[in-house]
C-alpha atoms as a PDB file:
ATOM      1  CA  UNK A   1    -115.990  78.035 -56.610  1.00  0.00           C
ATOM      2  CA  UNK A   2    -114.144  76.667 -53.561  1.00  0.00           C
ATOM      3  CA  UNK A   3    -113.864  80.175 -52.111  1.00  0.00           C
ATOM      4  CA  UNK A   4    -117.605  80.644 -52.604  1.00  0.00           C
ATOM      5  CA  UNK A   5    -118.360  77.329 -50.883  1.00  0.00           C
ATOM      6  CA  UNK A   6    -116.147  78.267 -47.925  1.00  0.00           C
ATOM      7  CA  UNK A   7    -117.920  81.605 -47.629  1.00  0.00           C
ATOM      8  CA  UNK A   8    -121.342  79.964 -47.727  1.00  0.00           C
ATOM      9  CA  UNK A   9    -120.274  77.408 -45.127  1.00  0.00           C
ATOM     10  CA  UNK A  10    -118.974  80.200 -42.898  1.00  0.00           C
ATOM     11  CA  UNK A  11    -122.237  82.122 -43.200  1.00  0.00           C
ATOM     12  CA  UNK A  12    -124.184  79.117 -41.930  1.00  0.00           C
ATOM     13  CA  UNK A  13    -122.050  78.629 -38.847  1.00  0.00           C
ATOM     14  CA  UNK A  14    -123.779  78.983 -35.492  1.00  0.00           C
ATOM     15  CA  UNK A  15    -122.560  81.628 -33.058  1.00  0.00           C
ATOM     16  CA  UNK A  16    -121.688  80.856 -29.432  1.00  0.00           C
ATOM     17  CA  UNK A  17    -120.769  83.126 -26.541  1.00  0.00           C
ATOM     18  CA  UNK A  18    -118.757  81.744 -23.642  1.00  0.00           C
ATOM     19  CA  UNK A  19    -118.066  83.641 -20.425  1.00  0.00           C
ATOM     20  CA  UNK A  20    -115.060  82.641 -18.327  1.00  0.00           C
ATOM     21  CA  UNK A  21    -113.417  81.488 -21.550  1.00  0.00           C
ATOM     22  CA  UNK A  22    -109.731  82.118 -20.850  1.00  0.00           C
ATOM     23  CA  UNK A  23    -108.945  78.847 -19.049  1.00  0.00           C
ATOM     24  CA  UNK A  24    -110.324  75.592 -17.668  1.00  0.00           C
ATOM     25  CA  UNK A  25    -113.608  74.283 -19.031  1.00  0.00           C
ATOM     26  CA  UNK A  26    -114.299  77.606 -20.750  1.00  0.00           C
ATOM     27  CA  UNK A  27    -111.138  77.503 -22.860  1.00  0.00           C
ATOM     28  CA  UNK A  28    -111.698  73.825 -23.621  1.00  0.00           C
ATOM     29  CA  UNK A  29    -115.219  74.629 -24.816  1.00  0.00           C
ATOM     30  CA  UNK A  30    -113.863  77.352 -27.100  1.00  0.00           C
ATOM     31  CA  UNK A  31    -111.499  74.837 -28.688  1.00  0.00           C
ATOM     32  CA  UNK A  32    -114.196  72.193 -29.034  1.00  0.00           C
ATOM     33  CA  UNK A  33    -116.815  74.519 -30.531  1.00  0.00           C
ATOM     34  CA  UNK A  34    -114.379  75.916 -33.101  1.00  0.00           C
ATOM     35  CA  UNK A  35    -113.571  72.390 -34.180  1.00  0.00           C
ATOM     36  CA  UNK A  36    -117.297  71.742 -34.565  1.00  0.00           C
ATOM     37  CA  UNK A  37    -117.973  74.581 -37.001  1.00  0.00           C
ATOM     38  CA  UNK A  38    -119.056  77.316 -34.566  1.00  0.00           C
ATOM     39  CA  UNK A  39    -118.180  80.971 -34.532  1.00  0.00           C
ATOM     40  CA  UNK A  40    -117.143  81.709 -30.956  1.00  0.00           C
ATOM     41  CA  UNK A  41    -117.133  84.911 -28.931  1.00  0.00           C
ATOM     42  CA  UNK A  42    -114.933  84.402 -25.870  1.00  0.00           C
ATOM     43  CA  UNK A  43    -115.218  86.624 -22.797  1.00  0.00           C
ATOM     44  CA  UNK A  44    -112.934  86.888 -19.787  1.00  0.00           C
ATOM     45  CA  UNK A  45    -111.431  89.449 -17.433  1.00  0.00           C
ATOM     46  CA  UNK A  46    -107.974  88.188 -18.406  1.00  0.00           C
ATOM     47  CA  UNK A  47    -107.317  89.589 -21.877  1.00  0.00           C
ATOM     48  CA  UNK A  48    -103.737  88.233 -22.024  1.00  0.00           C
ATOM     49  CA  UNK A  49    -105.017  84.690 -21.620  1.00  0.00           C
ATOM     50  CA  UNK A  50    -107.684  85.346 -24.254  1.00  0.00           C
ATOM     51  CA  UNK A  51    -104.968  86.412 -26.700  1.00  0.00           C
ATOM     52  CA  UNK A  52    -103.065  83.199 -25.956  1.00  0.00           C
ATOM     53  CA  UNK A  53    -106.277  81.275 -26.609  1.00  0.00           C
ATOM     54  CA  UNK A  54    -106.710  83.085 -29.915  1.00  0.00           C
ATOM     55  CA  UNK A  55    -103.104  82.326 -30.858  1.00  0.00           C
ATOM     56  CA  UNK A  56    -103.599  78.650 -29.983  1.00  0.00           C
ATOM     57  CA  UNK A  57    -106.615  78.583 -32.312  1.00  0.00           C
ATOM     58  CA  UNK A  58    -104.948  80.595 -35.080  1.00  0.00           C
ATOM     59  CA  UNK A  59    -106.350  78.318 -37.800  1.00  0.00           C
ATOM     60  CA  UNK A  60    -109.809  79.506 -36.718  1.00  0.00           C
ATOM     61  CA  UNK A  61    -108.839  83.176 -36.438  1.00  0.00           C
ATOM     62  CA  UNK A  62    -111.828  84.309 -38.516  1.00  0.00           C
ATOM     63  CA  UNK A  63    -114.237  82.391 -36.288  1.00  0.00           C
ATOM     64  CA  UNK A  64    -112.950  83.480 -32.882  1.00  0.00           C
ATOM     65  CA  UNK A  65    -113.437  86.910 -31.338  1.00  0.00           C
ATOM     66  CA  UNK A  66    -112.240  87.735 -27.835  1.00  0.00           C
ATOM     67  CA  UNK A  67    -113.459  90.481 -25.525  1.00  0.00           C
ATOM     68  CA  UNK A  68    -112.214  91.585 -22.129  1.00  0.00           C
ATOM     69  CA  UNK A  69    -115.286  91.772 -19.920  1.00  0.00           C
ATOM     70  CA  UNK A  70    -115.977  91.269 -16.236  1.00  0.00           C
ATOM     71  CA  UNK A  71    -119.224  89.396 -15.556  1.00  0.00           C
ATOM     72  CA  UNK A  72    -119.824  91.581 -12.521  1.00  0.00           C
ATOM     73  CA  UNK A  73    -119.858  94.669 -14.770  1.00  0.00           C
ATOM     74  CA  UNK A  74    -123.135  95.023 -16.688  1.00  0.00           C
ATOM     75  CA  UNK A  75    -121.856  97.962 -18.740  1.00  0.00           C
ATOM     76  CA  UNK A  76    -118.965  95.903 -20.137  1.00  0.00           C
ATOM     77  CA  UNK A  77    -121.267  93.008 -20.975  1.00  0.00           C
ATOM     78  CA  UNK A  78    -123.792  95.254 -22.706  1.00  0.00           C
ATOM     79  CA  UNK A  79    -120.981  96.797 -24.755  1.00  0.00           C
ATOM     80  CA  UNK A  80    -120.050  93.347 -26.032  1.00  0.00           C
ATOM     81  CA  UNK A  81    -123.709  92.579 -26.759  1.00  0.00           C
ATOM     82  CA  UNK A  82    -123.844  95.578 -29.107  1.00  0.00           C
ATOM     83  CA  UNK A  83    -121.146  93.923 -31.228  1.00  0.00           C
ATOM     84  CA  UNK A  84    -123.225  90.800 -31.805  1.00  0.00           C
ATOM     85  CA  UNK A  85    -125.853  90.388 -34.508  1.00  0.00           C
ATOM     86  CA  UNK A  86    -127.280  86.991 -33.598  1.00  0.00           C
ATOM     87  CA  UNK A  87    -126.719  84.279 -31.039  1.00  0.00           C
ATOM     88  CA  UNK A  88    -127.380  80.530 -31.095  1.00  0.00           C
ATOM     89  CA  UNK A  89    -125.611  79.302 -27.959  1.00  0.00           C
ATOM     90  CA  UNK A  90    -124.997  81.158 -24.706  1.00  0.00           C
ATOM     91  CA  UNK A  91    -122.675  79.386 -22.275  1.00  0.00           C
ATOM     92  CA  UNK A  92    -122.646  81.041 -18.861  1.00  0.00           C
ATOM     93  CA  UNK A  93    -119.497  79.488 -17.510  1.00  0.00           C
ATOM     94  CA  UNK A  94    -117.637  82.181 -15.538  1.00  0.00           C
ATOM     95  CA  UNK A  95    -117.076  81.241 -11.941  1.00  0.00           C
ATOM     96  CA  UNK A  96    -114.511  80.910  -9.177  1.00  0.00           C
ATOM     97  CA  UNK A  97    -113.934  78.590  -6.264  1.00  0.00           C
ATOM     98  CA  UNK A  98    -112.378  79.591  -2.975  1.00  0.00           C
ATOM     99  CA  UNK A  99    -112.514  77.126  -0.094  1.00  0.00           C
ATOM    100  CA  UNK A 100    -113.685  78.315   3.295  1.00  0.00           C
ATOM    101  CA  UNK A 101    -111.483  77.360   6.236  1.00  0.00           C
ATOM    102  CA  UNK A 102    -113.365  77.578   9.506  1.00  0.00           C
ATOM    103  CA  UNK A 103    -110.178  78.594  11.335  1.00  0.00           C
ATOM    104  CA  UNK A 104    -109.935  81.715   9.127  1.00  0.00           C
ATOM    105  CA  UNK A 105    -113.625  82.320   8.540  1.00  0.00           C
ATOM    106  CA  UNK A 106    -114.389  85.521   6.645  1.00  0.00           C
ATOM    107  CA  UNK A 107    -117.394  86.975   4.847  1.00  0.00           C
ATOM    108  CA  UNK A 108    -115.256  87.967   1.851  1.00  0.00           C
ATOM    109  CA  UNK A 109    -115.263  84.651  -0.053  1.00  0.00           C
ATOM    110  CA  UNK A 110    -119.041  84.498   0.325  1.00  0.00           C
ATOM    111  CA  UNK A 111    -119.505  87.960  -1.178  1.00  0.00           C
ATOM    112  CA  UNK A 112    -116.948  87.407  -3.937  1.00  0.00           C
ATOM    113  CA  UNK A 113    -118.306  84.040  -5.049  1.00  0.00           C
ATOM    114  CA  UNK A 114    -121.900  85.256  -4.919  1.00  0.00           C
ATOM    115  CA  UNK A 115    -121.068  88.274  -7.075  1.00  0.00           C
ATOM    116  CA  UNK A 116    -119.219  86.226  -9.704  1.00  0.00           C
ATOM    117  CA  UNK A 117    -120.779  82.764  -9.636  1.00  0.00           C
ATOM    118  CA  UNK A 118    -124.405  83.801  -9.254  1.00  0.00           C
ATOM    119  CA  UNK A 119    -124.934  87.490 -10.014  1.00  0.00           C
ATOM    120  CA  UNK A 120    -122.285  87.313 -12.744  1.00  0.00           C
ATOM    121  CA  UNK A 121    -124.367  84.688 -14.511  1.00  0.00           C
ATOM    122  CA  UNK A 122    -127.543  86.754 -14.087  1.00  0.00           C
ATOM    123  CA  UNK A 123    -125.862  89.887 -15.454  1.00  0.00           C
ATOM    124  CA  UNK A 124    -124.465  87.940 -18.418  1.00  0.00           C
ATOM    125  CA  UNK A 125    -127.875  86.390 -19.065  1.00  0.00           C
ATOM    126  CA  UNK A 126    -129.457  89.832 -18.969  1.00  0.00           C
ATOM    127  CA  UNK A 127    -126.926  91.258 -21.440  1.00  0.00           C
ATOM    128  CA  UNK A 128    -127.268  88.567 -24.105  1.00  0.00           C
ATOM    129  CA  UNK A 129    -130.667  86.872 -23.828  1.00  0.00           C
ATOM    130  CA  UNK A 130    -132.399  89.651 -25.788  1.00  0.00           C
ATOM    131  CA  UNK A 131    -130.574  88.459 -28.924  1.00  0.00           C
ATOM    132  CA  UNK A 132    -132.273  85.084 -28.591  1.00  0.00           C
ATOM    133  CA  UNK A 133    -135.657  86.543 -27.749  1.00  0.00           C
ATOM    134  CA  UNK A 134    -135.607  88.453 -31.032  1.00  0.00           C
ATOM    135  CA  UNK A 135    -134.956  85.303 -33.077  1.00  0.00           C
ATOM    136  CA  UNK A 136    -137.099  83.078 -30.823  1.00  0.00           C
ATOM    137  CA  UNK A 137    -134.430  80.384 -30.853  1.00  0.00           C
ATOM    138  CA  UNK A 138    -131.215  79.251 -29.203  1.00  0.00           C
ATOM    139  CA  UNK A 139    -129.769  77.340 -26.268  1.00  0.00           C
ATOM    140  CA  UNK A 140    -128.634  78.656 -22.895  1.00  0.00           C
ATOM    141  CA  UNK A 141    -126.173  76.476 -20.979  1.00  0.00           C
ATOM    142  CA  UNK A 142    -125.645  77.382 -17.338  1.00  0.00           C
ATOM    143  CA  UNK A 143    -122.577  75.972 -15.614  1.00  0.00           C
ATOM    144  CA  UNK A 144    -123.433  74.721 -12.142  1.00  0.00           C
ATOM    145  CA  UNK A 145    -121.771  71.896 -10.205  1.00  0.00           C
ATOM    146  CA  UNK A 146    -122.473  68.680  -8.356  1.00  0.00           C
ATOM    147  CA  UNK A 147    -121.601  70.819  -5.328  1.00  0.00           C
ATOM    148  CA  UNK A 148    -124.983  72.440  -5.952  1.00  0.00           C
ATOM    149  CA  UNK A 149    -126.703  69.144  -5.125  1.00  0.00           C
ATOM    150  CA  UNK A 150    -125.285  68.520  -1.689  1.00  0.00           C
ATOM    151  CA  UNK A 151    -122.839  70.207   0.680  1.00  0.00           C
ATOM    152  CA  UNK A 152    -119.172  69.254   0.324  1.00  0.00           C
ATOM    153  CA  UNK A 153    -116.133  69.980   2.518  1.00  0.00           C
ATOM    154  CA  UNK A 154    -114.941  73.590   2.503  1.00  0.00           C
ATOM    155  CA  UNK A 155    -117.565  74.587  -0.108  1.00  0.00           C
ATOM    156  CA  UNK A 156    -119.851  76.589   2.172  1.00  0.00           C
ATOM    157  CA  UNK A 157    -119.384  79.734   0.041  1.00  0.00           C
ATOM    158  CA  UNK A 158    -119.211  77.997  -3.346  1.00  0.00           C
ATOM    159  CA  UNK A 159    -121.971  75.376  -3.106  1.00  0.00           C
ATOM    160  CA  UNK A 160    -124.872  77.789  -2.385  1.00  0.00           C
ATOM    161  CA  UNK A 161    -124.044  79.794  -5.536  1.00  0.00           C
ATOM    162  CA  UNK A 162    -124.240  76.645  -7.650  1.00  0.00           C
ATOM    163  CA  UNK A 163    -127.460  75.557  -5.986  1.00  0.00           C
ATOM    164  CA  UNK A 164    -128.906  79.000  -6.758  1.00  0.00           C
ATOM    165  CA  UNK A 165    -127.942  78.598 -10.419  1.00  0.00           C
ATOM    166  CA  UNK A 166    -129.765  75.284 -10.528  1.00  0.00           C
ATOM    167  CA  UNK A 167    -132.967  76.906  -9.298  1.00  0.00           C
ATOM    168  CA  UNK A 168    -132.512  79.846 -11.669  1.00  0.00           C
ATOM    169  CA  UNK A 169    -132.139  77.497 -14.645  1.00  0.00           C
ATOM    170  CA  UNK A 170    -135.140  75.417 -13.584  1.00  0.00           C
ATOM    171  CA  UNK A 171    -137.264  78.540 -13.221  1.00  0.00           C
ATOM    172  CA  UNK A 172    -136.226  80.442 -16.337  1.00  0.00           C
ATOM    173  CA  UNK A 173    -136.783  77.499 -18.677  1.00  0.00           C
ATOM    174  CA  UNK A 174    -140.553  77.875 -18.250  1.00  0.00           C
ATOM    175  CA  UNK A 175    -140.381  81.464 -19.492  1.00  0.00           C
ATOM    176  CA  UNK A 176    -137.929  80.790 -22.312  1.00  0.00           C
ATOM    177  CA  UNK A 177    -139.876  77.775 -23.586  1.00  0.00           C
ATOM    178  CA  UNK A 178    -142.441  80.230 -24.974  1.00  0.00           C
ATOM    179  CA  UNK A 179    -139.662  81.569 -27.215  1.00  0.00           C
ATOM    180  CA  UNK A 180    -138.370  78.130 -28.282  1.00  0.00           C
ATOM    181  CA  UNK A 181    -135.185  78.736 -26.283  1.00  0.00           C
ATOM    182  CA  UNK A 182    -133.742  75.653 -24.619  1.00  0.00           C
ATOM    183  CA  UNK A 183    -132.199  75.875 -21.154  1.00  0.00           C
ATOM    184  CA  UNK A 184    -129.587  73.322 -20.102  1.00  0.00           C
ATOM    185  CA  UNK A 185    -127.818  72.959 -16.773  1.00  0.00           C
ATOM    186  CA  UNK A 186    -124.327  71.481 -16.548  1.00  0.00           C
ATOM    187  CA  UNK A 187    -123.310  69.994 -13.198  1.00  0.00           C
ATOM    188  CA  UNK A 188    -119.805  68.529 -13.461  1.00  0.00           C
ATOM    189  CA  UNK A 189    -117.972  66.641 -10.800  1.00  0.00           C
ATOM    190  CA  UNK A 190    -114.321  67.449 -10.156  1.00  0.00           C
ATOM    191  CA  UNK A 191    -112.507  68.869 -13.199  1.00  0.00           C
ATOM    192  CA  UNK A 192    -108.741  69.360 -13.148  1.00  0.00           C
ATOM    193  CA  UNK A 193    -108.605  73.157 -13.305  1.00  0.00           C
ATOM    194  CA  UNK A 194    -106.754  75.813 -11.340  1.00  0.00           C
ATOM    195  CA  UNK A 195    -109.758  76.120  -9.042  1.00  0.00           C
ATOM    196  CA  UNK A 196    -109.400  72.634  -7.546  1.00  0.00           C
ATOM    197  CA  UNK A 197    -105.645  72.836  -6.985  1.00  0.00           C
ATOM    198  CA  UNK A 198    -106.340  74.298  -3.555  1.00  0.00           C
ATOM    199  CA  UNK A 199    -108.255  71.221  -2.382  1.00  0.00           C
ATOM    200  CA  UNK A 200    -106.406  69.089   0.140  1.00  0.00           C
ATOM    201  CA  UNK A 201    -108.894  66.208   0.071  1.00  0.00           C
ATOM    202  CA  UNK A 202    -109.481  63.336  -2.316  1.00  0.00           C
ATOM    203  CA  UNK A 203    -111.421  64.264  -5.461  1.00  0.00           C
ATOM    204  CA  UNK A 204    -113.047  61.089  -6.817  1.00  0.00           C
ATOM    205  CA  UNK A 205    -113.499  60.791 -10.574  1.00  0.00           C
ATOM    206  CA  UNK A 206    -111.559  63.958 -11.466  1.00  0.00           C
ATOM    207  CA  UNK A 207    -111.332  64.536 -15.257  1.00  0.00           C
ATOM    208  CA  UNK A 208    -109.491  66.897 -17.601  1.00  0.00           C
ATOM    209  CA  UNK A 209    -111.141  70.049 -19.024  1.00  0.00           C
ATOM    210  CA  UNK A 210    -110.947  68.824 -22.632  1.00  0.00           C
ATOM    211  CA  UNK A 211    -112.809  65.650 -21.659  1.00  0.00           C
ATOM    212  CA  UNK A 212    -115.447  67.741 -19.897  1.00  0.00           C
ATOM    213  CA  UNK A 213    -115.859  69.966 -22.968  1.00  0.00           C
ATOM    214  CA  UNK A 214    -116.371  66.978 -25.263  1.00  0.00           C
ATOM    215  CA  UNK A 215    -118.999  65.535 -22.916  1.00  0.00           C
ATOM    216  CA  UNK A 216    -120.830  68.861 -22.753  1.00  0.00           C
ATOM    217  CA  UNK A 217    -120.933  69.283 -26.511  1.00  0.00           C
ATOM    218  CA  UNK A 218    -121.946  65.654 -27.017  1.00  0.00           C
ATOM    219  CA  UNK A 219    -124.964  66.124 -24.727  1.00  0.00           C
ATOM    220  CA  UNK A 220    -125.884  69.640 -25.801  1.00  0.00           C
ATOM    221  CA  UNK A 221    -128.547  68.585 -28.289  1.00  0.00           C
ATOM    222  CA  UNK A 222    -130.236  65.825 -26.294  1.00  0.00           C
ATOM    223  CA  UNK A 223    -133.543  66.347 -24.509  1.00  0.00           C
ATOM    224  CA  UNK A 224    -132.185  66.062 -20.981  1.00  0.00           C
ATOM    225  CA  UNK A 225    -132.254  69.230 -18.895  1.00  0.00           C
ATOM    226  CA  UNK A 226    -129.082  68.439 -16.964  1.00  0.00           C
ATOM    227  CA  UNK A 227    -125.656  67.400 -18.194  1.00  0.00           C
ATOM    228  CA  UNK A 228    -123.589  65.759 -15.485  1.00  0.00           C
ATOM    229  CA  UNK A 229    -120.394  63.704 -15.398  1.00  0.00           C
ATOM    230  CA  UNK A 230    -118.439  61.561 -14.782  1.00  0.00           C
ATOM    231  CA  UNK A 231    -121.235  58.982 -14.764  1.00  0.00           C
ATOM    232  CA  UNK A 232    -120.238  56.895 -11.739  1.00  0.00           C
ATOM    233  CA  UNK A 233    -119.410  59.840  -9.481  1.00  0.00           C
ATOM    234  CA  UNK A 234    -122.470  61.874 -10.472  1.00  0.00           C
ATOM    235  CA  UNK A 235    -124.752  58.848 -10.031  1.00  0.00           C
ATOM    236  CA  UNK A 236    -123.272  58.216  -6.595  1.00  0.00           C
ATOM    237  CA  UNK A 237    -123.680  61.855  -5.549  1.00  0.00           C
ATOM    238  CA  UNK A 238    -127.268  61.923  -6.789  1.00  0.00           C
ATOM    239  CA  UNK A 239    -127.954  58.792  -4.748  1.00  0.00           C
ATOM    240  CA  UNK A 240    -126.514  60.499  -1.662  1.00  0.00           C
ATOM    241  CA  UNK A 241    -129.077  63.293  -1.977  1.00  0.00           C
ATOM    242  CA  UNK A 242    -131.821  60.730  -1.326  1.00  0.00           C
ATOM    243  CA  UNK A 243    -130.200  59.332   1.826  1.00  0.00           C
ATOM    244  CA  UNK A 244    -130.836  60.639   5.336  1.00  0.00           C
ATOM    245  CA  UNK A 245    -128.478  63.531   6.050  1.00  0.00           C
ATOM    246  CA  UNK A 246    -126.581  61.631   8.731  1.00  0.00           C
ATOM    247  CA  UNK A 247    -125.688  58.832   6.306  1.00  0.00           C
ATOM    248  CA  UNK A 248    -124.674  61.083   3.420  1.00  0.00           C
ATOM    249  CA  UNK A 249    -122.596  63.220   5.790  1.00  0.00           C
ATOM    250  CA  UNK A 250    -120.662  60.215   7.119  1.00  0.00           C
ATOM    251  CA  UNK A 251    -120.063  58.851   3.632  1.00  0.00           C
ATOM    252  CA  UNK A 252    -118.763  62.139   2.182  1.00  0.00           C
ATOM    253  CA  UNK A 253    -116.599  62.686   5.244  1.00  0.00           C
ATOM    254  CA  UNK A 254    -115.068  59.236   4.791  1.00  0.00           C
ATOM    255  CA  UNK A 255    -114.543  59.449   1.026  1.00  0.00           C
ATOM    256  CA  UNK A 256    -112.921  62.880   1.079  1.00  0.00           C
ATOM    257  CA  UNK A 257    -110.841  62.055   4.134  1.00  0.00           C
ATOM    258  CA  UNK A 258    -112.099  65.276   5.611  1.00  0.00           C
ATOM    259  CA  UNK A 259    -110.909  64.551   9.130  1.00  0.00           C
ATOM    260  CA  UNK A 260    -107.447  66.018   9.411  1.00  0.00           C
ATOM    261  CA  UNK A 261    -104.702  64.434  11.418  1.00  0.00           C
ATOM    262  CA  UNK A 262    -104.155  66.167  14.717  1.00  0.00           C
END
């Protein structure tokens, strides 16, 4: 009887896909969703890190599948999609951050971050959204950033990709509403991942990935379109978007100690 109950419980578990799942917020979300009775399909270019993630979650080995897939490669994403029967939650999380130094300005970080952060999300959306359209249900969570609200130091290549994701999410929710599919946008502040290690300025309100994952899951089912945290920092940054540019510029420059010693 207990075996039958476990099987029935497993059959009723929701299925989530997470791109960029091998580390940072993505890996933390995998852990959190497994602990909250989800079946998780984790995607990343780095298969070795995915295997480590699977080993870490060995008690959920039947609920976690990992696939090596590059979000810039539609063929790889579509191959994964063929392995999936149904989908309840699509988390488009894959992204990179490379600061732009004006002294070594290059077009490369702009191209790279656009291809991964923006077009990678679009290609992933294209590969998996059809599963939700068939069932006329589900939730799509798009990972943006507070950097998509207002320009920040050294983020001239990164911030526009996150701003573009915000507009994409705002636009696509009208179309998906007809299919009872919910669109959510997540705009975190600074999260202590490998990406931010390169920053040489102060990062107010920085939090750990596991804290970010818990906050995301906690707010996943509410009616708000945007999930943002930490509260004080995100509220402050939102307030700055309403100020005249000259004032917000001076404030951000002061807080991040952007002026370097000469």
